[in-house]
PDB file of N, CA and C in Angstrom:
ATOM      1  N   UNK A   1     138.547  36.394 121.584  1.00  0.00           N
ATOM      2  CA  UNK A   1     139.163  37.032 120.445  1.00  0.00           C
ATOM      3  C   UNK A   1     140.245  36.133 119.844  1.00  0.00           C
ATOM      4  N   UNK A   2     141.102  35.557 120.698  1.00  0.00           N
ATOM      5  CA  UNK A   2     142.167  34.693 120.180  1.00  0.00           C
ATOM      6  C   UNK A   2     141.572  33.425 119.579  1.00  0.00           C
ATOM      7  N   UNK A   3     140.466  32.983 120.135  1.00  0.00           N
ATOM      8  CA  UNK A   3     139.822  31.788 119.585  1.00  0.00           C
ATOM      9  C   UNK A   3     139.320  32.065 118.177  1.00  0.00           C
ATOM     10  N   UNK A   4     138.766  33.257 117.967  1.00  0.00           N
ATOM     11  CA  UNK A   4     138.182  33.588 116.675  1.00  0.00           C
ATOM     12  C   UNK A   4     139.250  33.835 115.608  1.00  0.00           C
ATOM     13  N   UNK A   5     140.320  34.554 115.964  1.00  0.00           N
ATOM     14  CA  UNK A   5     141.327  34.938 114.975  1.00  0.00           C
ATOM     15  C   UNK A   5     142.643  34.181 115.112  1.00  0.00           C
ATOM     16  N   UNK A   6     142.769  33.313 116.088  1.00  0.00           N
ATOM     17  CA  UNK A   6     144.025  32.608 116.321  1.00  0.00           C
ATOM     18  C   UNK A   6     144.429  31.685 115.182  1.00  0.00           C
ATOM     19  N   UNK A   7     143.484  30.917 114.664  1.00  0.00           N
ATOM     20  CA  UNK A   7     143.816  30.019 113.557  1.00  0.00           C
ATOM     21  C   UNK A   7     144.187  30.795 112.301  1.00  0.00           C
ATOM     22  N   UNK A   8     143.546  31.947 112.102  1.00  0.00           N
ATOM     23  CA  UNK A   8     143.926  32.785 110.971  1.00  0.00           C
ATOM     24  C   UNK A   8     145.348  33.324 111.157  1.00  0.00           C
ATOM     25  N   UNK A   9     145.676  33.746 112.372  1.00  0.00           N
ATOM     26  CA  UNK A   9     147.028  34.224 112.664  1.00  0.00           C
ATOM     27  C   UNK A   9     148.051  33.107 112.463  1.00  0.00           C
ATOM     28  N   UNK A  10     147.699  31.906 112.876  1.00  0.00           N
ATOM     29  CA  UNK A  10     148.574  30.755 112.672  1.00  0.00           C
ATOM     30  C   UNK A  10     148.793  30.517 111.187  1.00  0.00           C
ATOM     31  N   UNK A  11     147.739  30.626 110.406  1.00  0.00           N
ATOM     32  CA  UNK A  11     147.833  30.450 108.959  1.00  0.00           C
ATOM     33  C   UNK A  11     148.745  31.523 108.350  1.00  0.00           C
ATOM     34  N   UNK A  12     148.616  32.759 108.805  1.00  0.00           N
ATOM     35  CA  UNK A  12     149.453  33.849 108.291  1.00  0.00           C
ATOM     36  C   UNK A  12     150.929  33.579 108.587  1.00  0.00           C
ATOM     37  N   UNK A  13     151.235  33.160 109.806  1.00  0.00           N
ATOM     38  CA  UNK A  13     152.626  32.880 110.176  1.00  0.00           C
ATOM     39  C   UNK A  13     153.166  31.702 109.368  1.00  0.00           C
ATOM     40  N   UNK A  14     152.390  30.627 109.248  1.00  0.00           N
ATOM     41  CA  UNK A  14     152.839  29.459 108.487  1.00  0.00           C
ATOM     42  C   UNK A  14     153.036  29.795 107.012  1.00  0.00           C
ATOM     43  N   UNK A  15     152.134  30.582 106.448  1.00  0.00           N
ATOM     44  CA  UNK A  15     152.262  30.975 105.046  1.00  0.00           C
ATOM     45  C   UNK A  15     153.479  31.875 104.842  1.00  0.00           C
ATOM     46  N   UNK A  16     153.658  32.833 105.719  1.00  0.00           N
ATOM     47  CA  UNK A  16     154.823  33.716 105.628  1.00  0.00           C
ATOM     48  C   UNK A  16     156.129  32.954 105.761  1.00  0.00           C
ATOM     49  N   UNK A  17     156.192  32.029 106.710  1.00  0.00           N
ATOM     50  CA  UNK A  17     157.406  31.231 106.894  1.00  0.00           C
ATOM     51  C   UNK A  17     157.657  30.326 105.692  1.00  0.00           C
ATOM     52  N   UNK A  18     156.590  29.805 105.104  1.00  0.00           N
ATOM     53  CA  UNK A  18     156.744  28.955 103.921  1.00  0.00           C
ATOM     54  C   UNK A  18     157.306  29.753 102.754  1.00  0.00           C
ATOM     55  N   UNK A  19     156.751  30.929 102.511  1.00  0.00           N
ATOM     56  CA  UNK A  19     157.275  31.774 101.433  1.00  0.00           C
ATOM     57  C   UNK A  19     158.706  32.225 101.720  1.00  0.00           C
ATOM     58  N   UNK A  20     159.008  32.542 102.970  1.00  0.00           N
ATOM     59  CA  UNK A  20     160.367  32.959 103.324  1.00  0.00           C
ATOM     60  C   UNK A  20     161.363  31.823 103.109  1.00  0.00           C
ATOM     61  N   UNK A  21     160.974  30.604 103.485  1.00  0.00           N
ATOM     62  CA  UNK A  21     161.878  29.473 103.292  1.00  0.00           C
ATOM     63  C   UNK A  21     162.094  29.190 101.808  1.00  0.00           C
ATOM     64  N   UNK A  22     161.049  29.324 101.018  1.00  0.00           N
ATOM     65  CA  UNK A  22     161.211  29.141  99.577  1.00  0.00           C
ATOM     66  C   UNK A  22     162.082  30.242  98.975  1.00  0.00           C
ATOM     67  N   UNK A  23     161.924  31.455  99.455  1.00  0.00           N
ATOM     68  CA  UNK A  23     162.764  32.556  98.979  1.00  0.00           C
ATOM     69  C   UNK A  23     164.237  32.289  99.305  1.00  0.00           C
ATOM     70  N   UNK A  24     164.505  31.882 100.552  1.00  0.00           N
ATOM     71  CA  UNK A  24     165.892  31.663 100.959  1.00  0.00           C
ATOM     72  C   UNK A  24     166.575  30.578 100.137  1.00  0.00           C
ATOM     73  N   UNK A  25     165.849  29.535  99.779  1.00  0.00           N
ATOM     74  CA  UNK A  25     166.483  28.444  99.043  1.00  0.00           C
ATOM     75  C   UNK A  25     166.458  28.646  97.530  1.00  0.00           C
ATOM     76  N   UNK A  26     165.389  29.167  97.000  1.00  0.00           N
ATOM     77  CA  UNK A  26     165.257  29.268  95.552  1.00  0.00           C
ATOM     78  C   UNK A  26     165.814  30.567  94.976  1.00  0.00           C
ATOM     79  N   UNK A  27     165.717  31.669  95.688  1.00  0.00           N
ATOM     80  CA  UNK A  27     166.160  32.959  95.159  1.00  0.00           C
ATOM     81  C   UNK A  27     167.493  33.373  95.783  1.00  0.00           C
ATOM     82  N   UNK A  28     167.612  33.259  97.101  1.00  0.00           N
ATOM     83  CA  UNK A  28     168.855  33.638  97.772  1.00  0.00           C
ATOM     84  C   UNK A  28     169.897  32.516  97.728  1.00  0.00           C
ATOM     85  N   UNK A  29     169.517  31.344  97.294  1.00  0.00           N
ATOM     86  CA  UNK A  29     170.400  30.190  97.065  1.00  0.00           C
ATOM     87  C   UNK A  29     171.102  29.675  98.319  1.00  0.00           C
ATOM     88  N   UNK A  30     170.410  29.694  99.446  1.00  0.00           N
ATOM     89  CA  UNK A  30     170.913  28.981 100.614  1.00  0.00           C
ATOM     90  C   UNK A  30     170.618  27.507 100.416  1.00  0.00           C
ATOM     91  N   UNK A  31     171.555  26.672 100.817  1.00  0.00           N
ATOM     92  CA  UNK A  31     171.340  25.238 100.621  1.00  0.00           C
ATOM     93  C   UNK A  31     170.477  24.679 101.756  1.00  0.00           C
ATOM     94  N   UNK A  32     169.572  23.816 101.383  1.00  0.00           N
ATOM     95  CA  UNK A  32     168.679  23.184 102.361  1.00  0.00           C
ATOM     96  C   UNK A  32     169.298  21.874 102.832  1.00  0.00           C
ATOM     97  N   UNK A  33     169.423  21.734 104.128  1.00  0.00           N
ATOM     98  CA  UNK A  33     169.961  20.504 104.700  1.00  0.00           C
ATOM     99  C   UNK A  33     168.827  19.503 104.915  1.00  0.00           C
ATOM    100  N   UNK A  34     169.200  18.316 105.330  1.00  0.00           N
ATOM    101  CA  UNK A  34     168.185  17.303 105.638  1.00  0.00           C
ATOM    102  C   UNK A  34     167.276  17.762 106.777  1.00  0.00           C
ATOM    103  N   UNK A  35     167.846  18.460 107.757  1.00  0.00           N
ATOM    104  CA  UNK A  35     167.020  18.965 108.858  1.00  0.00           C
ATOM    105  C   UNK A  35     166.062  20.052 108.373  1.00  0.00           C
ATOM    106  N   UNK A  36     166.507  20.846 107.415  1.00  0.00           N
ATOM    107  CA  UNK A  36     165.628  21.870 106.845  1.00  0.00           C
ATOM    108  C   UNK A  36     164.459  21.224 106.135  1.00  0.00           C
ATOM    109  N   UNK A  37     164.738  20.195 105.358  1.00  0.00           N
ATOM    110  CA  UNK A  37     163.656  19.479 104.668  1.00  0.00           C
ATOM    111  C   UNK A  37     162.672  18.861 105.663  1.00  0.00           C
ATOM    112  N   UNK A  38     163.192  18.309 106.741  1.00  0.00           N
ATOM    113  CA  UNK A  38     162.316  17.712 107.751  1.00  0.00           C
ATOM    114  C   UNK A  38     161.412  18.773 108.394  1.00  0.00           C
ATOM    115  N   UNK A  39     161.961  19.968 108.604  1.00  0.00           N
ATOM    116  CA  UNK A  39     161.153  21.053 109.162  1.00  0.00           C
ATOM    117  C   UNK A  39     160.081  21.491 108.178  1.00  0.00           C
ATOM    118  N   UNK A  40     160.426  21.511 106.909  1.00  0.00           N
ATOM    119  CA  UNK A  40     159.434  21.884 105.893  1.00  0.00           C
ATOM    120  C   UNK A  40     158.307  20.872 105.822  1.00  0.00           C
ATOM    121  N   UNK A  41     158.626  19.614 106.071  1.00  0.00           N
ATOM    122  CA  UNK A  41     157.577  18.588 106.105  1.00  0.00           C
ATOM    123  C   UNK A  41     156.568  18.906 107.205  1.00  0.00           C
ATOM    124  N   UNK A  42     157.043  19.506 108.285  1.00  0.00           N
ATOM    125  CA  UNK A  42     156.150  19.911 109.372  1.00  0.00           C
ATOM    126  C   UNK A  42     155.463  21.247 109.086  1.00  0.00           C
ATOM    127  N   UNK A  43     156.120  22.129 108.339  1.00  0.00           N
ATOM    128  CA  UNK A  43     155.600  23.480 108.126  1.00  0.00           C
ATOM    129  C   UNK A  43     154.582  23.572 106.998  1.00  0.00           C
ATOM    130  N   UNK A  44     154.893  23.018 105.852  1.00  0.00           N
ATOM    131  CA  UNK A  44     154.047  23.226 104.675  1.00  0.00           C
ATOM    132  C   UNK A  44     152.607  22.730 104.844  1.00  0.00           C
ATOM    133  N   UNK A  45     152.364  21.585 105.483  1.00  0.00           N
ATOM    134  CA  UNK A  45     150.960  21.181 105.680  1.00  0.00           C
ATOM    135  C   UNK A  45     150.165  22.132 106.573  1.00  0.00           C
ATOM    136  N   UNK A  46     150.866  22.880 107.426  1.00  0.00           N
ATOM    137  CA  UNK A  46     150.164  23.819 108.307  1.00  0.00           C
ATOM    138  C   UNK A  46     149.443  24.897 107.517  1.00  0.00           C
ATOM    139  N   UNK A  47     149.992  25.267 106.365  1.00  0.00           N
ATOM    140  CA  UNK A  47     149.356  26.292 105.544  1.00  0.00           C
ATOM    141  C   UNK A  47     147.959  25.833 105.134  1.00  0.00           C
ATOM    142  N   UNK A  48     147.854  24.611 104.655  1.00  0.00           N
ATOM    143  CA  UNK A  48     146.566  24.082 104.204  1.00  0.00           C
ATOM    144  C   UNK A  48     145.653  23.771 105.387  1.00  0.00           C
ATOM    145  N   UNK A  49     146.185  23.069 106.382  1.00  0.00           N
ATOM    146  CA  UNK A  49     145.355  22.639 107.512  1.00  0.00           C
ATOM    147  C   UNK A  49     144.845  23.818 108.345  1.00  0.00           C
ATOM    148  N   UNK A  50     145.727  24.760 108.663  1.00  0.00           N
ATOM    149  CA  UNK A  50     145.300  25.919 109.457  1.00  0.00           C
ATOM    150  C   UNK A  50     144.364  26.814 108.658  1.00  0.00           C
ATOM    151  N   UNK A  51     144.611  26.937 107.365  1.00  0.00           N
ATOM    152  CA  UNK A  51     143.723  27.740 106.521  1.00  0.00           C
ATOM    153  C   UNK A  51     142.319  27.170 106.468  1.00  0.00           C
ATOM    154  N   UNK A  52     142.216  25.865 106.277  1.00  0.00           N
ATOM    155  CA  UNK A  52     140.904  25.214 106.243  1.00  0.00           C
ATOM    156  C   UNK A  52     140.212  25.289 107.603  1.00  0.00           C
ATOM    157  N   UNK A  53     140.970  25.079 108.669  1.00  0.00           N
ATOM    158  CA  UNK A  53     140.388  25.140 110.013  1.00  0.00           C
ATOM    159  C   UNK A  53     139.908  26.552 110.336  1.00  0.00           C
ATOM    160  N   UNK A  54     140.677  27.551 109.940  1.00  0.00           N
ATOM    161  CA  UNK A  54     140.267  28.939 110.183  1.00  0.00           C
ATOM    162  C   UNK A  54     139.020  29.273 109.382  1.00  0.00           C
ATOM    163  N   UNK A  55     138.967  28.828 108.158  1.00  0.00           N
ATOM    164  CA  UNK A  55     137.822  29.115 107.287  1.00  0.00           C
ATOM    165  C   UNK A  55     136.540  28.500 107.836  1.00  0.00           C
ATOM    166  N   UNK A  56     136.646  27.256 108.335  1.00  0.00           N
ATOM    167  CA  UNK A  56     135.464  26.530 108.799  1.00  0.00           C
ATOM    168  C   UNK A  56     135.223  26.636 110.309  1.00  0.00           C
ATOM    169  N   UNK A  57     136.121  27.309 111.022  1.00  0.00           N
ATOM    170  CA  UNK A  57     135.951  27.454 112.466  1.00  0.00           C
ATOM    171  C   UNK A  57     136.139  26.153 113.224  1.00  0.00           C
ATOM    172  N   UNK A  58     137.031  25.300 112.738  1.00  0.00           N
ATOM    173  CA  UNK A  58     137.291  24.000 113.360  1.00  0.00           C
ATOM    174  C   UNK A  58     138.416  24.151 114.381  1.00  0.00           C
ATOM    175  N   UNK A  59     138.050  24.569 115.597  1.00  0.00           N
ATOM    176  CA  UNK A  59     139.034  24.873 116.625  1.00  0.00           C
ATOM    177  C   UNK A  59     139.623  23.625 117.273  1.00  0.00           C
ATOM    178  N   UNK A  60     138.981  22.493 117.088  1.00  0.00           N
ATOM    179  CA  UNK A  60     139.492  21.256 117.665  1.00  0.00           C
ATOM    180  C   UNK A  60     140.730  20.740 116.936  1.00  0.00           C
ATOM    181  N   UNK A  61     141.111  21.391 115.853  1.00  0.00           N
ATOM    182  CA  UNK A  61     142.278  20.954 115.088  1.00  0.00           C
ATOM    183  C   UNK A  61     143.570  21.139 115.871  1.00  0.00           C
ATOM    184  N   UNK A  62     143.524  21.926 116.928  1.00  0.00           N
ATOM    185  CA  UNK A  62     144.753  22.198 117.674  1.00  0.00           C
ATOM    186  C   UNK A  62     145.424  20.916 118.156  1.00  0.00           C
ATOM    187  N   UNK A  63     144.649  19.950 118.607  1.00  0.00           N
ATOM    188  CA  UNK A  63     145.252  18.705 119.089  1.00  0.00           C
ATOM    189  C   UNK A  63     145.877  17.905 117.948  1.00  0.00           C
ATOM    190  N   UNK A  64     145.429  18.122 116.728  1.00  0.00           N
ATOM    191  CA  UNK A  64     146.001  17.426 115.574  1.00  0.00           C
ATOM    192  C   UNK A  64     147.242  18.138 115.039  1.00  0.00           C
ATOM    193  N   UNK A  65     147.330  19.439 115.261  1.00  0.00           N
ATOM    194  CA  UNK A  65     148.464  20.209 114.758  1.00  0.00           C
ATOM    195  C   UNK A  65     149.653  20.212 115.710  1.00  0.00           C
ATOM    196  N   UNK A  66     149.409  20.001 116.999  1.00  0.00           N
ATOM    197  CA  UNK A  66     150.507  20.050 117.956  1.00  0.00           C
ATOM    198  C   UNK A  66     151.649  19.085 117.629  1.00  0.00           C
ATOM    199  N   UNK A  67     151.391  17.834 117.225  1.00  0.00           N
ATOM    200  CA  UNK A  67     152.534  16.968 116.888  1.00  0.00           C
ATOM    201  C   UNK A  67     153.416  17.537 115.770  1.00  0.00           C
ATOM    202  N   UNK A  68     152.807  18.146 114.764  1.00  0.00           N
ATOM    203  CA  UNK A  68     153.588  18.752 113.677  1.00  0.00           C
ATOM    204  C   UNK A  68     154.405  19.938 114.176  1.00  0.00           C
ATOM    205  N   UNK A  69     153.768  20.804 114.945  1.00  0.00           N
ATOM    206  CA  UNK A  69     154.439  22.031 115.363  1.00  0.00           C
ATOM    207  C   UNK A  69     155.519  21.774 116.405  1.00  0.00           C
ATOM    208  N   UNK A  70     155.275  20.859 117.314  1.00  0.00           N
ATOM    209  CA  UNK A  70     156.284  20.540 118.329  1.00  0.00           C
ATOM    210  C   UNK A  70     157.478  19.829 117.684  1.00  0.00           C
ATOM    211  N   UNK A  71     157.211  18.944 116.740  1.00  0.00           N
ATOM    212  CA  UNK A  71     158.288  18.272 116.016  1.00  0.00           C
ATOM    213  C   UNK A  71     159.123  19.289 115.231  1.00  0.00           C
ATOM    214  N   UNK A  72     158.455  20.207 114.537  1.00  0.00           N
ATOM    215  CA  UNK A  72     159.171  21.240 113.803  1.00  0.00           C
ATOM    216  C   UNK A  72     160.005  22.115 114.711  1.00  0.00           C
ATOM    217  N   UNK A  73     159.465  22.474 115.866  1.00  0.00           N
ATOM    218  CA  UNK A  73     160.207  23.284 116.831  1.00  0.00           C
ATOM    219  C   UNK A  73     161.426  22.522 117.352  1.00  0.00           C
ATOM    220  N   UNK A  74     161.237  21.271 117.663  1.00  0.00           N
ATOM    221  CA  UNK A  74     162.361  20.446 118.145  1.00  0.00           C
ATOM    222  C   UNK A  74     163.453  20.306 117.099  1.00  0.00           C
ATOM    223  N   UNK A  75     163.062  20.100 115.851  1.00  0.00           N
ATOM    224  CA  UNK A  75     164.046  19.997 114.775  1.00  0.00           C
ATOM    225  C   UNK A  75     164.794  21.309 114.567  1.00  0.00           C
ATOM    226  N   UNK A  76     164.092  22.429 114.693  1.00  0.00           N
ATOM    227  CA  UNK A  76     164.767  23.719 114.507  1.00  0.00           C
ATOM    228  C   UNK A  76     165.736  23.999 115.655  1.00  0.00           C
ATOM    229  N   UNK A  77     165.377  23.625 116.871  1.00  0.00           N
ATOM    230  CA  UNK A  77     166.297  23.789 117.997  1.00  0.00           C
ATOM    231  C   UNK A  77     167.527  22.909 117.795  1.00  0.00           C
ATOM    232  N   UNK A  78     167.301  21.675 117.375  1.00  0.00           N
ATOM    233  CA  UNK A  78     168.405  20.753 117.115  1.00  0.00           C
ATOM    234  C   UNK A  78     169.308  21.287 116.005  1.00  0.00           C
ATOM    235  N   UNK A  79     168.725  21.791 114.917  1.00  0.00           N
ATOM    236  CA  UNK A  79     169.509  22.331 113.817  1.00  0.00           C
ATOM    237  C   UNK A  79     170.292  23.564 114.252  1.00  0.00           C
ATOM    238  N   UNK A  80     169.666  24.412 115.019  1.00  0.00           N
ATOM    239  CA  UNK A  80     170.336  25.623 115.482  1.00  0.00           C
ATOM    240  C   UNK A  80     171.507  25.291 116.400  1.00  0.00           C
ATOM    241  N   UNK A  81     171.385  24.216 117.162  1.00  0.00           N
ATOM    242  CA  UNK A  81     172.462  23.816 118.057  1.00  0.00           C
ATOM    243  C   UNK A  81     173.699  23.356 117.280  1.00  0.00           C
ATOM    244  N   UNK A  82     173.494  22.781 116.093  1.00  0.00           N
ATOM    245  CA  UNK A  82     174.615  22.232 115.338  1.00  0.00           C
ATOM    246  C   UNK A  82     174.967  23.012 114.087  1.00  0.00           C
ATOM    247  N   UNK A  83     174.072  23.887 113.594  1.00  0.00           N
ATOM    248  CA  UNK A  83     174.337  24.673 112.391  1.00  0.00           C
ATOM    249  C   UNK A  83     173.958  26.124 112.667  1.00  0.00           C
ATOM    250  N   UNK A  84     174.708  26.772 113.506  1.00  0.00           N
ATOM    251  CA  UNK A  84     174.360  28.117 113.973  1.00  0.00           C
ATOM    252  C   UNK A  84     174.292  29.155 112.855  1.00  0.00           C
ATOM    253  N   UNK A  85     175.000  28.926 111.764  1.00  0.00           N
ATOM    254  CA  UNK A  85     175.048  29.937 110.714  1.00  0.00           C
ATOM    255  C   UNK A  85     173.891  29.839 109.724  1.00  0.00           C
ATOM    256  N   UNK A  86     173.036  28.879 109.881  1.00  0.00           N
ATOM    257  CA  UNK A  86     171.946  28.671 108.934  1.00  0.00           C
ATOM    258  C   UNK A  86     170.790  29.645 109.197  1.00  0.00           C
ATOM    259  N   UNK A  87     170.474  30.529 108.223  1.00  0.00           N
ATOM    260  CA  UNK A  87     169.343  31.447 108.425  1.00  0.00           C
ATOM    261  C   UNK A  87     168.009  30.718 108.445  1.00  0.00           C
ATOM    262  N   UNK A  88     167.940  29.570 107.778  1.00  0.00           N
ATOM    263  CA  UNK A  88     166.691  28.811 107.796  1.00  0.00           C
ATOM    264  C   UNK A  88     166.400  28.257 109.186  1.00  0.00           C
ATOM    265  N   UNK A  89     167.447  27.971 109.954  1.00  0.00           N
ATOM    266  CA  UNK A  89     167.240  27.468 111.318  1.00  0.00           C
ATOM    267  C   UNK A  89     166.637  28.552 112.204  1.00  0.00           C
ATOM    268  N   UNK A  90     167.135  29.785 112.086  1.00  0.00           N
ATOM    269  CA  UNK A  90     166.573  30.883 112.877  1.00  0.00           C
ATOM    270  C   UNK A  90     165.149  31.181 112.460  1.00  0.00           C
ATOM    271  N   UNK A  91     164.902  31.193 111.162  1.00  0.00           N
ATOM    272  CA  UNK A  91     163.543  31.427 110.665  1.00  0.00           C
ATOM    273  C   UNK A  91     162.594  30.358 111.184  1.00  0.00           C
ATOM    274  N   UNK A  92     163.037  29.126 111.118  1.00  0.00           N
ATOM    275  CA  UNK A  92     162.203  28.021 111.577  1.00  0.00           C
ATOM    276  C   UNK A  92     161.942  28.093 113.077  1.00  0.00           C
ATOM    277  N   UNK A  93     162.968  28.435 113.837  1.00  0.00           N
ATOM    278  CA  UNK A  93     162.792  28.556 115.287  1.00  0.00           C
ATOM    279  C   UNK A  93     161.781  29.641 115.624  1.00  0.00           C
ATOM    280  N   UNK A  94     161.910  30.788 114.981  1.00  0.00           N
ATOM    281  CA  UNK A  94     160.959  31.872 115.232  1.00  0.00           C
ATOM    282  C   UNK A  94     159.546  31.499 114.787  1.00  0.00           C
ATOM    283  N   UNK A  95     159.437  30.910 113.617  1.00  0.00           N
ATOM    284  CA  UNK A  95     158.116  30.551 113.090  1.00  0.00           C
ATOM    285  C   UNK A  95     157.439  29.490 113.954  1.00  0.00           C
ATOM    286  N   UNK A  96     158.150  28.406 114.235  1.00  0.00           N
ATOM    287  CA  UNK A  96     157.535  27.344 115.030  1.00  0.00           C
ATOM    288  C   UNK A  96     157.296  27.771 116.472  1.00  0.00           C
ATOM    289  N   UNK A  97     158.155  28.621 117.006  1.00  0.00           N
ATOM    290  CA  UNK A  97     157.909  29.152 118.351  1.00  0.00           C
ATOM    291  C   UNK A  97     156.629  29.962 118.400  1.00  0.00           C
ATOM    292  N   UNK A  98     156.468  30.865 117.442  1.00  0.00           N
ATOM    293  CA  UNK A  98     155.251  31.686 117.376  1.00  0.00           C
ATOM    294  C   UNK A  98     154.016  30.832 117.090  1.00  0.00           C
ATOM    295  N   UNK A  99     154.152  29.883 116.199  1.00  0.00           N
ATOM    296  CA  UNK A  99     153.026  28.995 115.873  1.00  0.00           C
ATOM    297  C   UNK A  99     152.596  28.205 117.098  1.00  0.00           C
ATOM    298  N   UNK A 100     153.561  27.693 117.861  1.00  0.00           N
ATOM    299  CA  UNK A 100     153.209  26.932 119.061  1.00  0.00           C
ATOM    300  C   UNK A 100     152.537  27.797 120.118  1.00  0.00           C
ATOM    301  N   UNK A 101     152.981  29.043 120.258  1.00  0.00           N
ATOM    302  CA  UNK A 101     152.336  29.959 121.214  1.00  0.00           C
ATOM    303  C   UNK A 101     150.891  30.220 120.787  1.00  0.00           C
ATOM    304  N   UNK A 102     150.698  30.547 119.508  1.00  0.00           N
ATOM    305  CA  UNK A 102     149.343  30.813 119.008  1.00  0.00           C
ATOM    306  C   UNK A 102     148.468  29.579 119.161  1.00  0.00           C
ATOM    307  N   UNK A 103     149.009  28.420 118.813  1.00  0.00           N
ATOM    308  CA  UNK A 103     148.243  27.175 118.905  1.00  0.00           C
ATOM    309  C   UNK A 103     147.856  26.869 120.344  1.00  0.00           C
ATOM    310  N   UNK A 104     148.775  27.121 121.277  1.00  0.00           N
ATOM    311  CA  UNK A 104     148.465  26.918 122.689  1.00  0.00           C
ATOM    312  C   UNK A 104     147.371  27.855 123.181  1.00  0.00           C
ATOM    313  N   UNK A 105     147.422  29.102 122.735  1.00  0.00           N
ATOM    314  CA  UNK A 105     146.383  30.061 123.132  1.00  0.00           C
ATOM    315  C   UNK A 105     145.019  29.684 122.556  1.00  0.00           C
ATOM    316  N   UNK A 106     144.999  29.239 121.307  1.00  0.00           N
ATOM    317  CA  UNK A 106     143.739  28.816 120.688  1.00  0.00           C
ATOM    318  C   UNK A 106     143.184  27.591 121.412  1.00  0.00           C
ATOM    319  N   UNK A 107     144.056  26.644 121.726  1.00  0.00           N
ATOM    320  CA  UNK A 107     143.609  25.445 122.443  1.00  0.00           C
ATOM    321  C   UNK A 107     143.054  25.803 123.815  1.00  0.00           C
ATOM    322  N   UNK A 108     143.737  26.691 124.528  1.00  0.00           N
ATOM    323  CA  UNK A 108     143.271  27.115 125.848  1.00  0.00           C
ATOM    324  C   UNK A 108     141.928  27.822 125.756  1.00  0.00           C
ATOM    325  N   UNK A 109     141.812  28.737 124.799  1.00  0.00           N
ATOM    326  CA  UNK A 109     140.554  29.475 124.636  1.00  0.00           C
ATOM    327  C   UNK A 109     139.410  28.544 124.223  1.00  0.00           C
ATOM    328  N   UNK A 110     139.700  27.552 123.397  1.00  0.00           N
ATOM    329  CA  UNK A 110     138.667  26.609 122.956  1.00  0.00           C
ATOM    330  C   UNK A 110     138.203  25.727 124.100  1.00  0.00           C
ATOM    331  N   UNK A 111     139.136  25.281 124.934  1.00  0.00           N
ATOM    332  CA  UNK A 111     138.752  24.456 126.082  1.00  0.00           C
ATOM    333  C   UNK A 111     137.952  25.275 127.085  1.00  0.00           C
ATOM    334  N   UNK A 112     138.360  26.520 127.290  1.00  0.00           N
ATOM    335  CA  UNK A 112     137.627  27.396 128.207  1.00  0.00           C
ATOM    336  C   UNK A 112     136.206  27.622 127.687  1.00  0.00           C
ATOM    337  N   UNK A 113     136.062  27.879 126.407  1.00  0.00           N
ATOM    338  CA  UNK A 113     134.736  28.098 125.800  1.00  0.00           C
ATOM    339  C   UNK A 113     133.894  26.827 125.898  1.00  0.00           C
ATOM    340  N   UNK A 114     134.520  25.670 125.692  1.00  0.00           N
ATOM    341  CA  UNK A 114     133.818  24.382 125.785  1.00  0.00           C
ATOM    342  C   UNK A 114     133.284  24.141 127.203  1.00  0.00           C
ATOM    343  N   UNK A 115     134.112  24.456 128.191  1.00  0.00           N
ATOM    344  CA  UNK A 115     133.682  24.251 129.589  1.00  0.00           C
ATOM    345  C   UNK A 115     132.608  25.261 130.009  1.00  0.00           C
ATOM    346  N   UNK A 116     132.613  26.451 129.425  1.00  0.00           N
ATOM    347  CA  UNK A 116     131.573  27.437 129.743  1.00  0.00           C
ATOM    348  C   UNK A 116     130.225  27.026 129.171  1.00  0.00           C
ATOM    349  N   UNK A 117     130.226  26.289 128.075  1.00  0.00           N
ATOM    350  CA  UNK A 117     128.979  25.874 127.437  1.00  0.00           C
ATOM    351  C   UNK A 117     128.347  24.667 128.095  1.00  0.00           C
ATOM    352  N   UNK A 118     129.032  24.020 128.997  1.00  0.00           N
ATOM    353  CA  UNK A 118     128.466  22.830 129.657  1.00  0.00           C
ATOM    354  C   UNK A 118     127.516  23.198 130.745  1.00  0.00           C
TER     355      UNK A 118
END
């Protein structure tokens, strides 16, 4: 079940976080720091990549997405450690944490399915 819908769930979280980050900076007028921009560099491509992978059932994409998601998570932890009052840091931490959990579950389920087919 997680293998089938996991990439779609990842896409939903990445899309929601992308819209939330745009709302916070463009409508709520929170200022984006350099660390925020770096996190967005990791987040925004996930919307396209996870969406395409979910649409086409390309479960092997997990190994290609992990560098982006782990980097984004690390940057959000680093930002939260030094800029505790930034709402974008908390949003990023929650989003990348959830994305990494989903991605790990999809990767595990895909490897398990691959080994069962051998």
